[in-house]
PDB file of N, CA and C in Angstrom:
ATOM      1  N   MET A   1       0.843  -1.158   0.000  1.00  0.00           N
ATOM      2  CA  MET A   1       0.000   0.000   0.000  1.00  0.00           C
ATOM      3  C   MET A   1       0.900   1.236   0.000  1.00  0.00           C
ATOM      4  N   PHE A   2       0.680   2.114  -0.953  1.00  0.00           N
ATOM      5  CA  PHE A   2       1.414   3.362  -1.021  1.00  0.00           C
ATOM      6  C   PHE A   2       0.673   4.317  -1.940  1.00  0.00           C
ATOM      7  N   TRP A   3       0.958   5.592  -1.806  1.00  0.00           N
ATOM      8  CA  TRP A   3       0.323   6.640  -2.609  1.00  0.00           C
ATOM      9  C   TRP A   3      -1.201   6.490  -2.656  1.00  0.00           C
ATOM     10  N   HIS A   4      -1.788   6.160  -1.536  1.00  0.00           N
ATOM     11  CA  HIS A   4      -3.244   6.061  -1.372  1.00  0.00           C
ATOM     12  C   HIS A   4      -3.889   5.014  -2.272  1.00  0.00           C
ATOM     13  N   HIS A   5      -3.160   3.942  -2.511  1.00  0.00           N
ATOM     14  CA  HIS A   5      -3.765   2.803  -3.203  1.00  0.00           C
ATOM     15  C   HIS A   5      -3.141   1.511  -2.677  1.00  0.00           C
ATOM     16  N   LEU A   6      -3.871   0.431  -2.884  1.00  0.00           N
ATOM     17  CA  LEU A   6      -3.383  -0.887  -2.513  1.00  0.00           C
ATOM     18  C   LEU A   6      -3.089  -1.656  -3.796  1.00  0.00           C
ATOM     19  N   HIS A   7      -1.882  -2.151  -3.904  1.00  0.00           N
ATOM     20  CA  HIS A   7      -1.503  -2.955  -5.064  1.00  0.00           C
ATOM     21  C   HIS A   7      -1.492  -4.420  -4.643  1.00  0.00           C
ATOM     22  N   ILE A   8      -2.286  -5.226  -5.319  1.00  0.00           N
ATOM     23  CA  ILE A   8      -2.292  -6.664  -5.055  1.00  0.00           C
ATOM     24  C   ILE A   8      -1.289  -7.300  -5.996  1.00  0.00           C
ATOM     25  N   ASP A   9      -0.248  -7.848  -5.423  1.00  0.00           N
ATOM     26  CA  ASP A   9       0.803  -8.476  -6.219  1.00  0.00           C
ATOM     27  C   ASP A   9       0.484  -9.950  -6.473  1.00  0.00           C
ATOM     28  N   PHE A  10       0.025 -10.653  -5.442  1.00  0.00           N
ATOM     29  CA  PHE A  10      -0.302 -12.072  -5.578  1.00  0.00           C
ATOM     30  C   PHE A  10      -1.604 -12.386  -4.854  1.00  0.00           C
ATOM     31  N   LEU A  11      -2.487 -13.085  -5.533  1.00  0.00           N
ATOM     32  CA  LEU A  11      -3.677 -13.678  -4.921  1.00  0.00           C
ATOM     33  C   LEU A  11      -3.873 -15.006  -5.631  1.00  0.00           C
ATOM     34  N   TRP A  12      -3.644 -16.074  -4.901  1.00  0.00           N
ATOM     35  CA  TRP A  12      -3.671 -17.405  -5.513  1.00  0.00           C
ATOM     36  C   TRP A  12      -4.374 -18.356  -4.572  1.00  0.00           C
ATOM     37  N   VAL A  13      -5.251 -19.166  -5.142  1.00  0.00           N
ATOM     38  CA  VAL A  13      -5.972 -20.174  -4.381  1.00  0.00           C
ATOM     39  C   VAL A  13      -5.712 -21.523  -5.055  1.00  0.00           C
ATOM     40  N   HIS A  14      -5.357 -22.525  -4.277  1.00  0.00           N
ATOM     41  CA  HIS A  14      -5.064 -23.852  -4.820  1.00  0.00           C
ATOM     42  C   HIS A  14      -6.277 -24.401  -5.566  1.00  0.00           C
ATOM     43  N   LYS A  15      -6.031 -25.063  -6.669  1.00  0.00           N
ATOM     44  CA  LYS A  15      -7.125 -25.545  -7.517  1.00  0.00           C
ATOM     45  C   LYS A  15      -8.072 -26.503  -6.790  1.00  0.00           C
ATOM     46  N   ARG A  16      -7.595 -27.188  -5.757  1.00  0.00           N
ATOM     47  CA  ARG A  16      -8.465 -28.109  -5.009  1.00  0.00           C
ATOM     48  C   ARG A  16      -9.577 -27.401  -4.254  1.00  0.00           C
ATOM     49  N   VAL A  17      -9.366 -26.128  -3.925  1.00  0.00           N
ATOM     50  CA  VAL A  17     -10.385 -25.406  -3.156  1.00  0.00           C
ATOM     51  C   VAL A  17     -10.985 -24.223  -3.923  1.00  0.00           C
ATOM     52  N   ARG A  18     -10.685 -24.123  -5.202  1.00  0.00           N
ATOM     53  CA  ARG A  18     -11.289 -23.054  -6.000  1.00  0.00           C
ATOM     54  C   ARG A  18     -12.782 -23.288  -6.130  1.00  0.00           C
ATOM     55  N   GLY A  19     -13.522 -22.200  -6.223  1.00  0.00           N
ATOM     56  CA  GLY A  19     -14.968 -22.288  -6.349  1.00  0.00           C
ATOM     57  C   GLY A  19     -15.684 -22.419  -5.015  1.00  0.00           C
ATOM     58  N   LYS A  20     -14.932 -22.310  -3.919  1.00  0.00           N
ATOM     59  CA  LYS A  20     -15.534 -22.440  -2.585  1.00  0.00           C
ATOM     60  C   LYS A  20     -15.593 -21.107  -1.845  1.00  0.00           C
ATOM     61  N   GLY A  21     -15.268 -20.026  -2.535  1.00  0.00           N
ATOM     62  CA  GLY A  21     -15.386 -18.703  -1.936  1.00  0.00           C
ATOM     63  C   GLY A  21     -14.141 -18.164  -1.260  1.00  0.00           C
ATOM     64  N   TYR A  22     -13.064 -18.946  -1.232  1.00  0.00           N
ATOM     65  CA  TYR A  22     -11.846 -18.475  -0.571  1.00  0.00           C
ATOM     66  C   TYR A  22     -11.234 -17.265  -1.274  1.00  0.00           C
ATOM     67  N   GLY A  23     -11.180 -17.301  -2.586  1.00  0.00           N
ATOM     68  CA  GLY A  23     -10.623 -16.175  -3.347  1.00  0.00           C
ATOM     69  C   GLY A  23     -11.436 -14.910  -3.127  1.00  0.00           C
ATOM     70  N   SER A  24     -12.752 -15.036  -3.167  1.00  0.00           N
ATOM     71  CA  SER A  24     -13.624 -13.878  -2.935  1.00  0.00           C
ATOM     72  C   SER A  24     -13.440 -13.332  -1.530  1.00  0.00           C
ATOM     73  N   ALA A  25     -13.322 -14.221  -0.548  1.00  0.00           N
ATOM     74  CA  ALA A  25     -13.136 -13.791   0.843  1.00  0.00           C
ATOM     75  C   ALA A  25     -11.787 -13.083   1.018  1.00  0.00           C
ATOM     76  N   LEU A  26     -10.735 -13.624   0.427  1.00  0.00           N
ATOM     77  CA  LEU A  26      -9.421 -12.981   0.506  1.00  0.00           C
ATOM     78  C   LEU A  26      -9.440 -11.604  -0.142  1.00  0.00           C
ATOM     79  N   LEU A  27     -10.057 -11.522  -1.315  1.00  0.00           N
ATOM     80  CA  LEU A  27     -10.131 -10.247  -2.027  1.00  0.00           C
ATOM     81  C   LEU A  27     -10.921  -9.228  -1.204  1.00  0.00           C
ATOM     82  N   LYS A  28     -12.024  -9.640  -0.613  1.00  0.00           N
ATOM     83  CA  LYS A  28     -12.845  -8.741   0.205  1.00  0.00           C
ATOM     84  C   LYS A  28     -12.052  -8.235   1.411  1.00  0.00           C
ATOM     85  N   GLU A  29     -11.273  -9.101   2.046  1.00  0.00           N
ATOM     86  CA  GLU A  29     -10.443  -8.675   3.177  1.00  0.00           C
ATOM     87  C   GLU A  29      -9.428  -7.612   2.741  1.00  0.00           C
ATOM     88  N   MET A  30      -8.813  -7.807   1.576  1.00  0.00           N
ATOM     89  CA  MET A  30      -7.851  -6.826   1.080  1.00  0.00           C
ATOM     90  C   MET A  30      -8.536  -5.505   0.772  1.00  0.00           C
ATOM     91  N   GLU A  31      -9.729  -5.575   0.172  1.00  0.00           N
ATOM     92  CA  GLU A  31     -10.480  -4.354  -0.139  1.00  0.00           C
ATOM     93  C   GLU A  31     -10.887  -3.628   1.146  1.00  0.00           C
ATOM     94  N   ASN A  32     -11.326  -4.371   2.148  1.00  0.00           N
ATOM     95  CA  ASN A  32     -11.682  -3.758   3.433  1.00  0.00           C
ATOM     96  C   ASN A  32     -10.479  -3.066   4.061  1.00  0.00           C
ATOM     97  N   TYR A  33      -9.323  -3.697   3.975  1.00  0.00           N
ATOM     98  CA  TYR A  33      -8.094  -3.098   4.494  1.00  0.00           C
ATOM     99  C   TYR A  33      -7.793  -1.793   3.757  1.00  0.00           C
ATOM    100  N   ALA A  34      -7.952  -1.804   2.443  1.00  0.00           N
ATOM    101  CA  ALA A  34      -7.717  -0.604   1.640  1.00  0.00           C
ATOM    102  C   ALA A  34      -8.672   0.515   2.054  1.00  0.00           C
ATOM    103  N   LEU A  35      -9.931   0.205   2.230  1.00  0.00           N
ATOM    104  CA  LEU A  35     -10.915   1.215   2.631  1.00  0.00           C
ATOM    105  C   LEU A  35     -10.619   1.768   4.021  1.00  0.00           C
ATOM    106  N   LYS A  36     -10.270   0.890   4.974  1.00  0.00           N
ATOM    107  CA  LYS A  36      -9.940   1.333   6.327  1.00  0.00           C
ATOM    108  C   LYS A  36      -8.749   2.280   6.334  1.00  0.00           C
ATOM    109  N   ASN A  37      -7.864   2.108   5.374  1.00  0.00           N
ATOM    110  CA  ASN A  37      -6.659   2.931   5.298  1.00  0.00           C
ATOM    111  C   ASN A  37      -6.776   4.049   4.265  1.00  0.00           C
ATOM    112  N   ARG A  38      -8.011   4.363   3.904  1.00  0.00           N
ATOM    113  CA  ARG A  38      -8.326   5.499   3.024  1.00  0.00           C
ATOM    114  C   ARG A  38      -7.677   5.427   1.648  1.00  0.00           C
ATOM    115  N   CYS A  39      -7.556   4.223   1.129  1.00  0.00           N
ATOM    116  CA  CYS A  39      -7.044   4.080  -0.231  1.00  0.00           C
ATOM    117  C   CYS A  39      -8.103   4.561  -1.229  1.00  0.00           C
ATOM    118  N   ARG A  40      -7.645   5.125  -2.308  1.00  0.00           N
ATOM    119  CA  ARG A  40      -8.545   5.604  -3.356  1.00  0.00           C
ATOM    120  C   ARG A  40      -8.913   4.504  -4.337  1.00  0.00           C
ATOM    121  N   PHE A  41      -8.046   3.477  -4.442  1.00  0.00           N
ATOM    122  CA  PHE A  41      -8.335   2.377  -5.351  1.00  0.00           C
ATOM    123  C   PHE A  41      -7.441   1.187  -5.051  1.00  0.00           C
ATOM    124  N   VAL A  42      -7.827   0.044  -5.617  1.00  0.00           N
ATOM    125  CA  VAL A  42      -7.025  -1.178  -5.587  1.00  0.00           C
ATOM    126  C   VAL A  42      -6.615  -1.460  -7.024  1.00  0.00           C
ATOM    127  N   TYR A  43      -5.386  -1.870  -7.201  1.00  0.00           N
ATOM    128  CA  TYR A  43      -4.819  -2.090  -8.532  1.00  0.00           C
ATOM    129  C   TYR A  43      -4.139  -3.450  -8.569  1.00  0.00           C
ATOM    130  N   LEU A  44      -4.260  -4.146  -9.703  1.00  0.00           N
ATOM    131  CA  LEU A  44      -3.611  -5.444  -9.874  1.00  0.00           C
ATOM    132  C   LEU A  44      -3.450  -5.755 -11.351  1.00  0.00           C
ATOM    133  N   ASP A  45      -2.719  -6.808 -11.629  1.00  0.00           N
ATOM    134  CA  ASP A  45      -2.655  -7.294 -13.006  1.00  0.00           C
ATOM    135  C   ASP A  45      -2.816  -8.807 -12.992  1.00  0.00           C
ATOM    136  N   THR A  46      -3.294  -9.322 -14.113  1.00  0.00           N
ATOM    137  CA  THR A  46      -3.500 -10.757 -14.281  1.00  0.00           C
ATOM    138  C   THR A  46      -3.372 -11.082 -15.769  1.00  0.00           C
ATOM    139  N   PHE A  47      -3.225 -12.337 -16.070  1.00  0.00           N
ATOM    140  CA  PHE A  47      -3.093 -12.768 -17.455  1.00  0.00           C
ATOM    141  C   PHE A  47      -4.373 -13.451 -17.923  1.00  0.00           C
ATOM    142  N   SER A  48      -4.541 -13.523 -19.236  1.00  0.00           N
ATOM    143  CA  SER A  48      -5.759 -14.121 -19.800  1.00  0.00           C
ATOM    144  C   SER A  48      -5.907 -15.584 -19.406  1.00  0.00           C
ATOM    145  N   PHE A  49      -4.814 -16.263 -19.093  1.00  0.00           N
ATOM    146  CA  PHE A  49      -4.894 -17.669 -18.671  1.00  0.00           C
ATOM    147  C   PHE A  49      -5.081 -17.788 -17.158  1.00  0.00           C
ATOM    148  N   GLN A  50      -5.184 -16.659 -16.469  1.00  0.00           N
ATOM    149  CA  GLN A  50      -5.388 -16.676 -15.023  1.00  0.00           C
ATOM    150  C   GLN A  50      -6.843 -16.326 -14.701  1.00  0.00           C
ATOM    151  N   ALA A  51      -7.086 -15.123 -14.181  1.00  0.00           N
ATOM    152  CA  ALA A  51      -8.416 -14.869 -13.612  1.00  0.00           C
ATOM    153  C   ALA A  51      -9.022 -13.503 -13.932  1.00  0.00           C
ATOM    154  N   PRO A  52      -8.917 -12.984 -15.141  1.00  0.00           N
ATOM    155  CA  PRO A  52      -9.523 -11.657 -15.357  1.00  0.00           C
ATOM    156  C   PRO A  52     -11.026 -11.633 -15.079  1.00  0.00           C
ATOM    157  N   GLU A  53     -11.729 -12.705 -15.395  1.00  0.00           N
ATOM    158  CA  GLU A  53     -13.178 -12.745 -15.179  1.00  0.00           C
ATOM    159  C   GLU A  53     -13.520 -12.679 -13.691  1.00  0.00           C
ATOM    160  N   PHE A  54     -12.694 -13.306 -12.869  1.00  0.00           N
ATOM    161  CA  PHE A  54     -12.895 -13.281 -11.418  1.00  0.00           C
ATOM    162  C   PHE A  54     -12.905 -11.840 -10.911  1.00  0.00           C
ATOM    163  N   TYR A  55     -11.922 -11.060 -11.321  1.00  0.00           N
ATOM    164  CA  TYR A  55     -11.819  -9.682 -10.847  1.00  0.00           C
ATOM    165  C   TYR A  55     -12.927  -8.807 -11.428  1.00  0.00           C
ATOM    166  N   ILE A  56     -13.256  -8.993 -12.682  1.00  0.00           N
ATOM    167  CA  ILE A  56     -14.343  -8.223 -13.299  1.00  0.00           C
ATOM    168  C   ILE A  56     -15.654  -8.510 -12.571  1.00  0.00           C
ATOM    169  N   LYS A  57     -15.880  -9.771 -12.209  1.00  0.00           N
ATOM    170  CA  LYS A  57     -17.071 -10.159 -11.452  1.00  0.00           C
ATOM    171  C   LYS A  57     -17.139  -9.430 -10.109  1.00  0.00           C
ATOM    172  N   HIS A  58     -15.987  -9.077  -9.562  1.00  0.00           N
ATOM    173  CA  HIS A  58     -15.926  -8.393  -8.270  1.00  0.00           C
ATOM    174  C   HIS A  58     -15.823  -6.872  -8.413  1.00  0.00           C
ATOM    175  N   GLY A  59     -16.162  -6.347  -9.575  1.00  0.00           N
ATOM    176  CA  GLY A  59     -16.252  -4.901  -9.749  1.00  0.00           C
ATOM    177  C   GLY A  59     -15.014  -4.205 -10.265  1.00  0.00           C
ATOM    178  N   TYR A  60     -14.017  -4.954 -10.681  1.00  0.00           N
ATOM    179  CA  TYR A  60     -12.798  -4.356 -11.229  1.00  0.00           C
ATOM    180  C   TYR A  60     -12.992  -4.061 -12.712  1.00  0.00           C
ATOM    181  N   THR A  61     -12.320  -3.011 -13.184  1.00  0.00           N
ATOM    182  CA  THR A  61     -12.379  -2.659 -14.594  1.00  0.00           C
ATOM    183  C   THR A  61     -10.974  -2.699 -15.188  1.00  0.00           C
ATOM    184  N   VAL A  62     -10.903  -3.117 -16.427  1.00  0.00           N
ATOM    185  CA  VAL A  62      -9.629  -3.167 -17.153  1.00  0.00           C
ATOM    186  C   VAL A  62      -9.297  -1.754 -17.618  1.00  0.00           C
ATOM    187  N   PHE A  63      -8.090  -1.304 -17.287  1.00  0.00           N
ATOM    188  CA  PHE A  63      -7.663   0.012 -17.769  1.00  0.00           C
ATOM    189  C   PHE A  63      -6.468  -0.080 -18.701  1.00  0.00           C
ATOM    190  N   GLY A  64      -5.973  -1.282 -18.923  1.00  0.00           N
ATOM    191  CA  GLY A  64      -4.864  -1.455 -19.857  1.00  0.00           C
ATOM    192  C   GLY A  64      -4.659  -2.920 -20.193  1.00  0.00           C
ATOM    193  N   THR A  65      -4.164  -3.144 -21.398  1.00  0.00           N
ATOM    194  CA  THR A  65      -3.917  -4.501 -21.871  1.00  0.00           C
ATOM    195  C   THR A  65      -2.606  -4.536 -22.643  1.00  0.00           C
ATOM    196  N   LEU A  66      -1.774  -5.505 -22.307  1.00  0.00           N
ATOM    197  CA  LEU A  66      -0.600  -5.802 -23.137  1.00  0.00           C
ATOM    198  C   LEU A  66      -0.963  -7.039 -23.949  1.00  0.00           C
ATOM    199  N   GLU A  67      -1.176  -6.851 -25.217  1.00  0.00           N
ATOM    200  CA  GLU A  67      -1.587  -7.957 -26.072  1.00  0.00           C
ATOM    201  C   GLU A  67      -0.390  -8.832 -26.441  1.00  0.00           C
ATOM    202  N   ASN A  68      -0.675 -10.111 -26.571  1.00  0.00           N
ATOM    203  CA  ASN A  68       0.333 -11.092 -26.963  1.00  0.00           C
ATOM    204  C   ASN A  68       1.537 -11.097 -26.012  1.00  0.00           C
ATOM    205  N   HIS A  69       1.232 -10.972 -24.717  1.00  0.00           N
ATOM    206  CA  HIS A  69       2.277 -11.002 -23.694  1.00  0.00           C
ATOM    207  C   HIS A  69       1.784 -11.795 -22.500  1.00  0.00           C
ATOM    208  N   PRO A  70       2.353 -12.931 -22.178  1.00  0.00           N
ATOM    209  CA  PRO A  70       3.344 -13.613 -23.005  1.00  0.00           C
ATOM    210  C   PRO A  70       2.718 -14.079 -24.318  1.00  0.00           C
ATOM    211  N   LYS A  71       3.555 -14.505 -25.213  1.00  0.00           N
ATOM    212  CA  LYS A  71       3.104 -14.847 -26.562  1.00  0.00           C
ATOM    213  C   LYS A  71       1.888 -15.774 -26.512  1.00  0.00           C
ATOM    214  N   GLY A  72       0.849 -15.343 -27.227  1.00  0.00           N
ATOM    215  CA  GLY A  72      -0.384 -16.116 -27.291  1.00  0.00           C
ATOM    216  C   GLY A  72      -1.405 -15.765 -26.222  1.00  0.00           C
ATOM    217  N   PHE A  73      -1.055 -14.856 -25.308  1.00  0.00           N
ATOM    218  CA  PHE A  73      -1.940 -14.472 -24.208  1.00  0.00           C
ATOM    219  C   PHE A  73      -1.923 -12.953 -24.044  1.00  0.00           C
ATOM    220  N   ASN A  74      -2.745 -12.449 -23.157  1.00  0.00           N
ATOM    221  CA  ASN A  74      -2.770 -11.022 -22.838  1.00  0.00           C
ATOM    222  C   ASN A  74      -2.536 -10.817 -21.351  1.00  0.00           C
ATOM    223  N   GLN A  75      -1.937  -9.685 -21.020  1.00  0.00           N
ATOM    224  CA  GLN A  75      -1.809  -9.263 -19.634  1.00  0.00           C
ATOM    225  C   GLN A  75      -2.760  -8.095 -19.429  1.00  0.00           C
ATOM    226  N   TYR A  76      -3.594  -8.177 -18.377  1.00  0.00           N
ATOM    227  CA  TYR A  76      -4.594  -7.152 -18.099  1.00  0.00           C
ATOM    228  C   TYR A  76      -4.243  -6.416 -16.816  1.00  0.00           C
ATOM    229  N   PHE A  77      -4.462  -5.113 -16.831  1.00  0.00           N
ATOM    230  CA  PHE A  77      -4.287  -4.263 -15.665  1.00  0.00           C
ATOM    231  C   PHE A  77      -5.675  -3.801 -15.247  1.00  0.00           C
ATOM    232  N   LEU A  78      -6.012  -4.051 -13.984  1.00  0.00           N
ATOM    233  CA  LEU A  78      -7.353  -3.772 -13.498  1.00  0.00           C
ATOM    234  C   LEU A  78      -7.312  -2.875 -12.265  1.00  0.00           C
ATOM    235  N   GLN A  79      -8.412  -2.183 -12.048  1.00  0.00           N
ATOM    236  CA  GLN A  79      -8.543  -1.321 -10.879  1.00  0.00           C
ATOM    237  C   GLN A  79      -9.969  -1.345 -10.359  1.00  0.00           C
ATOM    238  N   LYS A  80     -10.085  -1.046  -9.084  1.00  0.00           N
ATOM    239  CA  LYS A  80     -11.395  -0.848  -8.461  1.00  0.00           C
ATOM    240  C   LYS A  80     -11.263   0.437  -7.658  1.00  0.00           C
ATOM    241  N   ARG A  81     -11.959   1.468  -8.109  1.00  0.00           N
ATOM    242  CA  ARG A  81     -11.858   2.800  -7.488  1.00  0.00           C
ATOM    243  C   ARG A  81     -12.935   2.989  -6.448  1.00  0.00           C
ATOM    244  N   TYR A  82     -12.588   3.727  -5.398  1.00  0.00           N
ATOM    245  CA  TYR A  82     -13.519   4.024  -4.326  1.00  0.00           C
ATOM    246  C   TYR A  82     -13.923   5.493  -4.304  1.00  0.00           C
ATOM    247  N   GLU A  83     -13.173   6.337  -4.979  1.00  0.00           N
ATOM    248  CA  GLU A  83     -13.520   7.763  -4.990  1.00  0.00           C
ATOM    249  C   GLU A  83     -14.532   8.010  -6.107  1.00  0.00           C
ATOM    250  N   LYS A  84     -15.321   9.003  -5.922  1.00  0.00           N
ATOM    251  CA  LYS A  84     -16.332   9.351  -6.934  1.00  0.00           C
ATOM    252  C   LYS A  84     -15.889  10.548  -7.711  1.00  0.00           C
TER     253      LYS A  84
END
C-alpha cells in the first residue's frame, strides 16, 4: 500500500479449493483493508490464462492490456476505485 492505493501483487488459491469462496473472501479482506486505510483504489494485473473474469465479477475494470504477452496471451491491468 502506497500513494493512497493498494496494489495486489499475488492472490492465488489452490485448484483443489477453487470455487468455494476463498478467493472472494481474501479479495474482500484486502479491499476492506484498503478502505480502512483510506485508499482511493485497488490495482492489480493478471493474465488471460489466469483470472480476469474473477476480478471483473468483483467490480474491477480493465484500464490497460498488453496484447500477446506472453506470446499467445494477454496481460490485463485492473482497478477498483472508491472515490467518486
